[in-house]
Amino acid sequence: MSLRELRLKRGLTQSQLGEKVGVSQQRLAEYELGKRPIGNMTLDNALRICDALRVSNPRKLLDADTKESES
């Protein structure tokens, strides 16, 4: 499941998620649009995003990013 899908499933806007994790809305938009690879995200940011989205394994975000770039 992509970052966008996870965020929407939790009922959060990019701005709301950004506030929770300390990342700008613009940065989240870049991750969601594939302009900035999720795999290049700092571990700290990945863990905070996973906590906010209640994802137990940060690998799920990385795997979703890899599958989308292959499409």
C-alpha atoms as a PDB file:
ATOM      1  CA  MET A   1       0.000   0.000   0.000  1.00  0.00           C
ATOM      2  CA  SER A   2       1.410   3.391  -0.958  1.00  0.00           C
ATOM      3  CA  LEU A   3       2.094   6.249   1.418  1.00  0.00           C
ATOM      4  CA  ARG A   4      -0.869   8.128  -0.049  1.00  0.00           C
ATOM      5  CA  GLU A   5      -3.203   5.149   0.389  1.00  0.00           C
ATOM      6  CA  LEU A   6      -2.079   4.655   3.983  1.00  0.00           C
ATOM      7  CA  ARG A   7      -2.509   8.352   4.754  1.00  0.00           C
ATOM      8  CA  LEU A   8      -5.991   8.452   3.239  1.00  0.00           C
ATOM      9  CA  LYS A   9      -6.963   5.223   5.002  1.00  0.00           C
ATOM     10  CA  ARG A  10      -6.130   6.948   8.298  1.00  0.00           C
ATOM     11  CA  GLY A  11      -8.171   9.999   7.274  1.00  0.00           C
ATOM     12  CA  LEU A  12      -5.265  12.445   7.282  1.00  0.00           C
ATOM     13  CA  THR A  13      -4.374  15.267   4.925  1.00  0.00           C
ATOM     14  CA  GLN A  14      -0.764  15.788   3.912  1.00  0.00           C
ATOM     15  CA  SER A  15      -0.657  18.831   6.197  1.00  0.00           C
ATOM     16  CA  GLN A  16      -2.016  16.889   9.181  1.00  0.00           C
ATOM     17  CA  LEU A  17       0.468  14.053   8.691  1.00  0.00           C
ATOM     18  CA  GLY A  18       3.268  16.552   8.206  1.00  0.00           C
ATOM     19  CA  GLU A  19       2.449  18.269  11.483  1.00  0.00           C
ATOM     20  CA  LYS A  20       2.403  14.947  13.324  1.00  0.00           C
ATOM     21  CA  VAL A  21       5.807  13.878  12.030  1.00  0.00           C
ATOM     22  CA  GLY A  22       7.618  17.178  11.526  1.00  0.00           C
ATOM     23  CA  VAL A  23       7.810  16.990   7.729  1.00  0.00           C
ATOM     24  CA  SER A  24       6.488  19.668   5.401  1.00  0.00           C
ATOM     25  CA  GLN A  25       3.359  19.094   3.345  1.00  0.00           C
ATOM     26  CA  GLN A  26       5.439  19.743   0.227  1.00  0.00           C
ATOM     27  CA  ARG A  27       7.925  17.012   1.165  1.00  0.00           C
ATOM     28  CA  LEU A  28       5.100  14.507   1.734  1.00  0.00           C
ATOM     29  CA  ALA A  29       3.595  15.460  -1.643  1.00  0.00           C
ATOM     30  CA  GLU A  30       6.969  14.790  -3.292  1.00  0.00           C
ATOM     31  CA  TYR A  31       7.130  11.343  -1.669  1.00  0.00           C
ATOM     32  CA  GLU A  32       3.579  10.537  -2.721  1.00  0.00           C
ATOM     33  CA  LEU A  33       4.094  11.703  -6.314  1.00  0.00           C
ATOM     34  CA  GLY A  34       7.393   9.852  -6.666  1.00  0.00           C
ATOM     35  CA  LYS A  35       9.393  13.049  -7.154  1.00  0.00           C
ATOM     36  CA  ARG A  36      11.420  12.085  -4.098  1.00  0.00           C
ATOM     37  CA  PRO A  37      12.022   8.350  -3.516  1.00  0.00           C
ATOM     38  CA  ILE A  38      10.750   7.061  -0.182  1.00  0.00           C
ATOM     39  CA  GLY A  39      13.873   4.909  -0.021  1.00  0.00           C
ATOM     40  CA  ASN A  40      15.939   8.086   0.378  1.00  0.00           C
ATOM     41  CA  MET A  41      13.904   9.199   3.397  1.00  0.00           C
ATOM     42  CA  THR A  42      15.827   9.336   6.670  1.00  0.00           C
ATOM     43  CA  LEU A  43      15.199   6.430   9.012  1.00  0.00           C
ATOM     44  CA  ASP A  44      13.958   8.873  11.638  1.00  0.00           C
ATOM     45  CA  ASN A  45      11.336  10.300   9.253  1.00  0.00           C
ATOM     46  CA  ALA A  46      10.316   6.818   8.085  1.00  0.00           C
ATOM     47  CA  LEU A  47       9.793   5.664  11.666  1.00  0.00           C
ATOM     48  CA  ARG A  48       7.792   8.775  12.606  1.00  0.00           C
ATOM     49  CA  ILE A  49       5.583   8.384   9.525  1.00  0.00           C
ATOM     50  CA  CYS A  50       5.077   4.692  10.276  1.00  0.00           C
ATOM     51  CA  ASP A  51       4.141   5.522  13.872  1.00  0.00           C
ATOM     52  CA  ALA A  52       1.676   8.197  12.753  1.00  0.00           C
ATOM     53  CA  LEU A  53       0.091   5.846  10.197  1.00  0.00           C
ATOM     54  CA  ARG A  54       0.203   2.860  12.564  1.00  0.00           C
ATOM     55  CA  VAL A  55       2.393   0.814  10.226  1.00  0.00           C
ATOM     56  CA  SER A  56       4.373  -1.744  12.203  1.00  0.00           C
ATOM     57  CA  ASN A  57       7.011  -2.392   9.541  1.00  0.00           C
ATOM     58  CA  PRO A  58       8.720   0.539   7.734  1.00  0.00           C
ATOM     59  CA  ARG A  59       9.614  -1.951   4.994  1.00  0.00           C
ATOM     60  CA  LYS A  60       5.985  -1.756   3.815  1.00  0.00           C
ATOM     61  CA  LEU A  61       6.527   1.863   2.776  1.00  0.00           C
ATOM     62  CA  LEU A  62       9.769   1.040   0.998  1.00  0.00           C
ATOM     63  CA  ASP A  63       8.265  -1.965  -0.790  1.00  0.00           C
ATOM     64  CA  ALA A  64       5.266   0.083  -1.950  1.00  0.00           C
ATOM     65  CA  ASP A  65       7.629   2.732  -3.327  1.00  0.00           C
ATOM     66  CA  THR A  66       9.670   0.123  -5.224  1.00  0.00           C
ATOM     67  CA  LYS A  67       6.603  -1.523  -6.775  1.00  0.00           C
ATOM     68  CA  GLU A  68       5.186   1.833  -7.925  1.00  0.00           C
ATOM     69  CA  SER A  69       8.450   2.851  -9.604  1.00  0.00           C
ATOM     70  CA  GLU A  70       8.549  -0.429 -11.518  1.00  0.00           C
ATOM     71  CA  SER A  71       5.046   0.165 -12.971  1.00  0.00           C
END
